[in-house]
Protein backbone atom coordinates (compact mmCIF):
# COMPACT_ATOMS: atom_id res chain seq x y z
CA MET A 1 78.06 -249.55 -30.74
CA ALA A 2 75.48 -246.89 -31.54
CA LYS A 3 71.81 -247.63 -30.98
CA ARG A 4 68.93 -245.73 -32.58
CA LYS A 5 65.19 -245.86 -32.01
CA GLU A 6 62.62 -243.73 -33.79
CA PHE A 7 59.34 -242.90 -32.08
CA GLU A 8 56.64 -241.07 -33.97
CA THR A 9 57.83 -237.63 -32.83
CA VAL A 10 61.16 -238.32 -31.09
CA ILE A 11 64.45 -239.91 -32.13
CA LEU A 12 66.56 -241.59 -29.45
CA GLU A 13 70.22 -242.33 -30.21
CA VAL A 14 72.69 -243.87 -27.76
CA GLU A 15 76.43 -243.78 -28.40
CA ASP A 16 79.43 -243.90 -26.09
CA GLY A 17 77.33 -243.48 -22.95
CA ILE A 18 75.31 -240.49 -24.20
CA ALA A 19 71.64 -240.70 -25.15
CA THR A 20 70.54 -237.93 -27.50
CA MET A 21 66.79 -237.38 -27.51
CA THR A 22 65.72 -235.24 -30.46
CA LEU A 23 62.24 -233.74 -30.73
CA ASN A 24 61.46 -234.51 -34.34
CA ARG A 25 58.71 -232.44 -35.97
CA PRO A 26 60.97 -229.98 -37.83
CA ASP A 27 58.26 -228.95 -40.30
CA LYS A 28 56.18 -227.79 -37.29
CA MET A 29 59.12 -226.30 -35.36
CA ASN A 30 58.94 -229.40 -33.13
CA ALA A 31 55.60 -228.25 -31.69
CA PHE A 32 54.35 -230.33 -28.78
CA THR A 33 51.49 -232.81 -29.18
CA GLY A 34 49.92 -235.56 -27.11
CA GLN A 35 51.95 -238.04 -29.12
CA MET A 36 55.17 -236.21 -28.30
CA MET A 37 54.26 -236.40 -24.62
CA LEU A 38 53.85 -240.18 -24.89
CA ASP A 39 57.05 -240.52 -26.92
CA MET A 40 59.16 -238.49 -24.51
CA ILE A 41 57.89 -240.44 -21.51
CA ALA A 42 58.64 -243.72 -23.30
CA ALA A 43 62.10 -242.51 -24.31
CA PHE A 44 62.98 -241.59 -20.72
CA ASP A 45 61.74 -245.00 -19.61
CA GLU A 46 64.29 -246.48 -22.02
CA THR A 47 67.20 -244.28 -20.92
CA ASP A 48 66.52 -245.12 -17.26
CA ALA A 49 66.50 -248.85 -18.00
CA ASP A 50 69.65 -248.84 -20.18
CA ASP A 51 72.93 -249.11 -18.26
CA ASP A 52 74.77 -248.03 -21.40
CA VAL A 53 73.22 -244.59 -20.90
CA LYS A 54 75.11 -242.42 -18.45
CA ALA A 55 73.69 -239.01 -19.49
CA VAL A 56 70.84 -237.69 -21.64
CA ILE A 57 70.91 -234.70 -24.00
CA VAL A 58 67.57 -233.29 -25.19
CA THR A 59 67.50 -231.11 -28.30
CA GLY A 60 65.30 -230.23 -31.27
CA SER A 61 65.45 -231.23 -34.90
CA GLY A 62 66.55 -228.59 -37.38
CA ASP A 63 68.10 -225.19 -36.74
CA ARG A 64 64.97 -223.08 -36.14
CA ALA A 65 63.44 -224.43 -32.96
CA PHE A 66 63.93 -226.55 -29.90
CA CYS A 67 60.15 -226.68 -29.41
CA ALA A 68 57.83 -223.86 -30.48
CA GLY A 69 55.24 -224.72 -27.83
CA ALA A 70 51.92 -226.49 -28.13
CA ASP A 71 50.73 -227.41 -31.60
CA LEU A 72 48.03 -224.80 -32.28
CA SER A 73 46.50 -226.53 -35.29
CA ALA A 74 43.27 -227.18 -33.36
CA GLY A 75 42.69 -223.43 -33.24
CA GLY A 76 40.43 -222.22 -30.45
CA ALA A 77 40.08 -225.77 -29.12
CA THR A 78 43.82 -226.13 -28.55
CA PHE A 79 43.52 -226.00 -24.76
CA ASP A 80 39.95 -227.33 -24.49
CA TYR A 81 40.85 -230.86 -23.50
CA GLU A 82 37.28 -232.13 -23.55
CA LYS A 83 36.96 -231.21 -27.21
CA ARG A 84 40.43 -232.60 -27.90
CA GLN A 85 39.47 -235.88 -26.25
CA ASP A 86 36.41 -236.10 -28.52
CA SER A 87 38.75 -235.83 -31.49
CA GLY A 88 40.78 -238.82 -30.24
CA GLU A 89 44.00 -236.98 -29.39
CA ALA A 90 46.84 -239.25 -28.28
CA GLY A 91 47.34 -239.35 -24.54
CA ARG A 92 43.77 -238.40 -23.62
CA THR A 93 41.92 -241.69 -23.40
CA SER A 94 40.67 -241.59 -19.80
CA GLN A 95 39.09 -239.11 -17.39
CA GLU A 96 42.41 -238.72 -15.59
CA ASP A 97 44.17 -238.06 -18.92
CA LEU A 98 41.53 -235.45 -19.69
CA GLN A 99 42.15 -233.59 -16.43
CA ARG A 100 45.93 -233.79 -16.40
CA ASP A 101 48.24 -231.29 -18.06
CA GLY A 102 50.28 -233.21 -20.62
CA GLY A 103 53.30 -230.96 -20.23
CA GLY A 104 53.27 -231.69 -16.53
CA ARG A 105 53.36 -235.40 -17.20
CA VAL A 106 56.54 -234.86 -19.23
CA THR A 107 58.26 -232.61 -16.69
CA LEU A 108 57.44 -235.02 -13.87
CA ARG A 109 58.99 -237.83 -15.91
CA ILE A 110 62.13 -235.79 -16.51
CA TYR A 111 62.22 -234.90 -12.80
CA GLU A 112 62.20 -238.62 -12.00
CA SER A 113 65.00 -239.46 -14.46
CA LEU A 114 67.74 -241.64 -13.01
CA LYS A 115 70.29 -240.15 -15.42
CA PRO A 116 71.46 -236.51 -15.62
CA VAL A 117 69.64 -234.50 -18.28
CA ILE A 118 71.23 -231.73 -20.35
CA GLY A 119 69.10 -229.42 -22.48
CA ALA A 120 70.69 -228.26 -25.75
CA ILE A 121 68.28 -225.49 -26.71
CA ASN A 122 68.88 -224.94 -30.39
CA GLY A 123 66.27 -222.34 -31.32
CA ALA A 124 62.80 -221.11 -30.38
CA ALA A 125 61.57 -222.46 -27.04
CA VAL A 126 58.22 -221.08 -25.91
CA GLY A 127 55.34 -222.40 -23.84
CA ILE A 128 55.91 -226.08 -23.14
CA GLY A 129 59.10 -225.70 -25.18
CA VAL A 130 60.60 -223.75 -22.28
CA THR A 131 58.76 -225.27 -19.31
CA MET A 132 59.87 -228.81 -20.24
CA GLN A 133 63.46 -227.59 -19.81
CA LEU A 134 63.01 -226.66 -16.16
CA PRO A 135 63.58 -230.14 -14.64
CA MET A 136 66.63 -230.64 -16.86
CA ASP A 137 69.82 -230.34 -14.83
CA ILE A 138 71.87 -228.13 -17.14
CA ARG A 139 70.55 -225.97 -19.98
CA LEU A 140 72.75 -224.66 -22.79
CA ALA A 141 71.45 -222.36 -25.53
CA SER A 142 72.44 -221.55 -29.08
CA ASP A 143 72.91 -217.88 -29.88
CA ASN A 144 69.68 -217.88 -31.93
CA ALA A 145 67.57 -219.40 -29.14
CA ARG A 146 64.50 -217.51 -27.95
CA PHE A 147 62.44 -218.19 -24.84
CA GLY A 148 58.94 -217.26 -23.81
CA PHE A 149 56.56 -218.07 -20.97
CA VAL A 150 53.70 -216.90 -23.20
CA PHE A 151 50.74 -218.42 -21.33
CA ALA A 152 49.02 -215.19 -20.26
CA ARG A 153 49.12 -214.07 -23.91
CA ARG A 154 47.20 -217.22 -24.85
CA GLY A 155 44.59 -216.81 -22.11
CA ILE A 156 45.89 -219.69 -20.00
CA VAL A 157 48.38 -220.07 -17.13
CA PRO A 158 51.88 -221.52 -16.71
CA GLU A 159 51.83 -225.33 -16.91
CA ALA A 160 54.20 -228.30 -16.77
CA CYS A 161 54.77 -227.79 -13.02
CA SER A 162 56.53 -224.52 -13.86
CA SER A 163 54.96 -222.72 -10.89
CA TRP A 164 57.10 -225.08 -8.77
CA PHE A 165 60.25 -225.25 -10.90
CA LEU A 166 60.70 -221.75 -12.30
CA PRO A 167 60.84 -219.70 -9.05
CA ARG A 168 63.26 -222.24 -7.60
CA LEU A 169 65.57 -221.87 -10.59
CA VAL A 170 65.48 -218.12 -11.22
CA GLY A 171 63.76 -216.57 -8.19
CA ILE A 172 60.18 -215.42 -7.77
CA SER A 173 60.64 -211.89 -9.14
CA GLN A 174 62.28 -213.02 -12.37
CA ALA A 175 59.75 -215.83 -12.79
CA LEU A 176 56.82 -213.44 -12.45
CA ASP A 177 58.40 -210.85 -14.74
CA TRP A 178 58.65 -213.39 -17.56
CA CYS A 179 55.23 -214.95 -16.91
CA TYR A 180 53.28 -211.71 -16.37
CA SER A 181 54.54 -210.16 -19.61
CA GLY A 182 54.59 -213.33 -21.68
CA ARG A 183 57.26 -211.71 -23.83
CA VAL A 184 59.70 -213.69 -25.94
CA PHE A 185 63.27 -212.91 -24.94
CA PRO A 186 66.75 -213.74 -26.30
CA ALA A 187 69.30 -216.22 -25.00
CA ALA A 188 71.34 -213.43 -23.40
CA GLU A 189 68.41 -212.53 -21.13
CA ALA A 190 67.84 -216.21 -20.34
CA LYS A 191 71.46 -216.50 -19.23
CA ALA A 192 71.38 -213.27 -17.23
CA GLY A 193 68.24 -214.51 -15.47
CA GLY A 194 69.78 -217.87 -14.59
CA LEU A 195 67.67 -219.99 -16.94
CA VAL A 196 70.60 -221.21 -19.05
CA LYS A 197 74.22 -221.90 -18.12
CA GLU A 198 75.95 -220.76 -21.30
CA ILE A 199 75.36 -219.61 -24.88
CA TYR A 200 77.15 -221.05 -27.92
CA PRO A 201 77.10 -220.57 -31.67
CA GLN A 202 74.59 -223.07 -32.96
CA ALA A 203 77.26 -225.11 -34.75
CA GLU A 204 79.05 -225.61 -31.40
CA LEU A 205 76.03 -226.30 -29.18
CA MET A 206 75.91 -230.10 -29.36
CA ASP A 207 79.68 -230.40 -28.94
CA ALA A 208 79.41 -228.30 -25.77
CA ALA A 209 76.57 -230.47 -24.45
CA ARG A 210 78.52 -233.65 -25.19
CA ALA A 211 81.61 -232.23 -23.45
CA ILE A 212 79.61 -231.74 -20.25
CA ALA A 213 78.17 -235.24 -20.57
CA ARG A 214 81.65 -236.69 -21.12
CA GLU A 215 83.04 -235.01 -18.02
CA ILE A 216 80.31 -236.69 -15.99
CA ILE A 217 80.65 -240.08 -17.68
CA ASP A 218 84.45 -240.30 -17.63
CA ASN A 219 85.00 -239.35 -14.01
CA THR A 220 82.05 -240.32 -11.83
CA ALA A 221 80.17 -243.34 -10.53
CA PRO A 222 76.79 -243.67 -12.31
CA VAL A 223 74.96 -244.73 -9.16
CA SER A 224 76.41 -241.78 -7.23
CA VAL A 225 75.32 -239.38 -9.97
CA SER A 226 71.84 -240.90 -10.03
CA LEU A 227 71.45 -240.58 -6.27
CA THR A 228 72.89 -237.06 -6.26
CA ARG A 229 70.33 -236.00 -8.86
CA GLN A 230 67.44 -237.28 -6.77
CA MET A 231 68.83 -235.87 -3.52
CA MET A 232 69.27 -232.38 -4.94
CA TRP A 233 65.89 -232.15 -6.64
CA GLN A 234 63.89 -233.72 -3.84
CA MET A 235 65.48 -231.59 -1.15
CA LEU A 236 64.24 -228.44 -2.88
CA GLY A 237 60.92 -229.24 -1.27
CA ALA A 238 62.24 -230.20 2.18
CA ASN A 239 61.03 -228.09 5.10
CA HIS A 240 64.21 -228.35 7.20
CA PRO A 241 67.89 -229.23 6.61
CA MET A 242 67.39 -232.18 8.95
CA GLU A 243 65.51 -233.87 6.09
CA ALA A 244 68.64 -233.57 3.94
CA HIS A 245 70.80 -234.80 6.81
CA LYS A 246 68.67 -237.94 7.10
CA VAL A 247 68.88 -238.67 3.39
CA ASP A 248 72.59 -237.81 3.17
CA SER A 249 73.38 -240.03 6.13
CA ARG A 250 71.50 -243.01 4.77
CA ALA A 251 72.91 -242.65 1.27
CA ILE A 252 76.56 -242.20 2.24
CA TYR A 253 76.31 -245.06 4.76
CA GLU A 254 75.04 -247.41 2.05
CA ARG A 255 77.38 -246.13 -0.67
CA GLY A 256 80.41 -246.34 1.61
CA LYS A 257 80.10 -250.15 1.66
CA THR A 258 80.06 -250.56 -2.12
CA GLY A 259 82.72 -251.40 -4.65
CA ASP A 260 82.22 -247.93 -6.11
CA ALA A 261 83.46 -246.26 -2.92
CA LYS A 262 86.51 -248.51 -2.80
CA GLU A 263 87.25 -247.89 -6.48
CA GLY A 264 86.81 -244.14 -6.10
CA VAL A 265 89.45 -243.98 -3.37
CA MET A 266 91.90 -246.49 -4.85
CA SER A 267 91.81 -245.02 -8.37
CA PHE A 268 92.58 -241.60 -6.88
CA LEU A 269 95.47 -242.96 -4.79
CA GLU A 270 96.82 -244.98 -7.72
CA LYS A 271 96.40 -242.05 -10.14
CA ARG A 272 94.41 -244.00 -12.71
CA LYS A 273 91.03 -243.75 -14.40
CA PRO A 274 88.28 -245.29 -12.25
CA GLU A 275 86.23 -248.31 -13.31
CA TYR A 276 83.11 -248.24 -11.19
CA PRO A 277 81.43 -251.67 -10.87
CA GLU A 278 77.92 -250.71 -9.66
CA LYS A 279 75.02 -250.30 -12.11
CA VAL A 280 71.95 -248.12 -11.81
CA SER A 281 69.76 -251.04 -12.92
CA ASP A 282 70.92 -253.04 -9.90
CA GLY A 283 69.17 -250.51 -7.67
CA ILE A 284 70.45 -247.05 -6.93
CA ALA A 285 70.07 -247.50 -3.17
CA PRO A 286 68.53 -250.04 -0.83
CA HIS A 287 66.12 -247.47 0.59
CA TYR A 288 65.48 -245.26 -2.45
CA PRO A 289 63.03 -243.67 -3.13
CA TRP A 290 62.98 -242.05 0.26
CA TYR A 291 59.45 -240.76 -0.03
CA PRO A 292 56.28 -242.26 -1.52
CA LYS A 293 55.57 -240.98 -5.01
CA PRO A 294 52.62 -238.56 -4.90
CA LYS A 295 49.58 -239.51 -6.96
CA PHE A 296 47.63 -237.18 -9.19
CA GLU A 297 44.30 -236.10 -7.74
CA TRP A 298 41.97 -233.55 -9.28
CA PRO A 299 41.74 -230.58 -6.87
CA GLU A 300 38.30 -230.38 -5.31
CA LYS A 301 36.40 -227.16 -5.89
CA ALA A 302 35.80 -225.19 -2.69
CA GLU A 303 32.18 -225.18 -1.56
């Protein structure tokens, strides 16, 4: 049975194991606001908590844009958060909110997702519209999609944790090429640079995203997928393969005792579709998370 929830700037629909999260400001090319930040974080909280959700697809409303970047309606004060706080912008109600990059709060939430995340990039994606994609696991683009790390052209710097994500995804040289120039580039260049997996005609994009989600849902154990996601992302920051060996060893030891492991082997031997009994909401591992979650602290200015 399909479920639908409308936030102020995001629509969340769940059907047949797939949650589709649609950025929904089509008249503004789905431009990012403080309210959209809050809505996306809340929507990911819901997908994590819902065992009916096995995969998440993020896309934009309409056929022009995935997300055209930050809403620039505040003019010259767009990135002056102190002035924006004075105007009562959503998501900036405390000193910590004032100091924190809102795009970073979204990308960190996507990074922490317990479910795999697929980006279906259906049009223009610049600024936060492209950096929010970086912690998504698989990115597909429509043939009319355009990308741009335009920050230097707006007098600011890359945000949304992209200085961590982007070089890891595409390499430091490609990351700096795109960020230094700030140019907007087509989907073909995004694919050649390793930013997106594949390009589709726009009419076929969502079907392609759902096909990837279905392959995951129909064949794999949700808890195993959830743990795999966290293991892969977190180990990008490990300083030695021994750290991965420790995590791998603990996870496979614990998973090997579960009904999922038994079902995975027996369904293969019996040549039937698996029915995995474990749920993500029951706890994805006895010892997960493996590391304490870092807290935000404002960097101190050097004396």
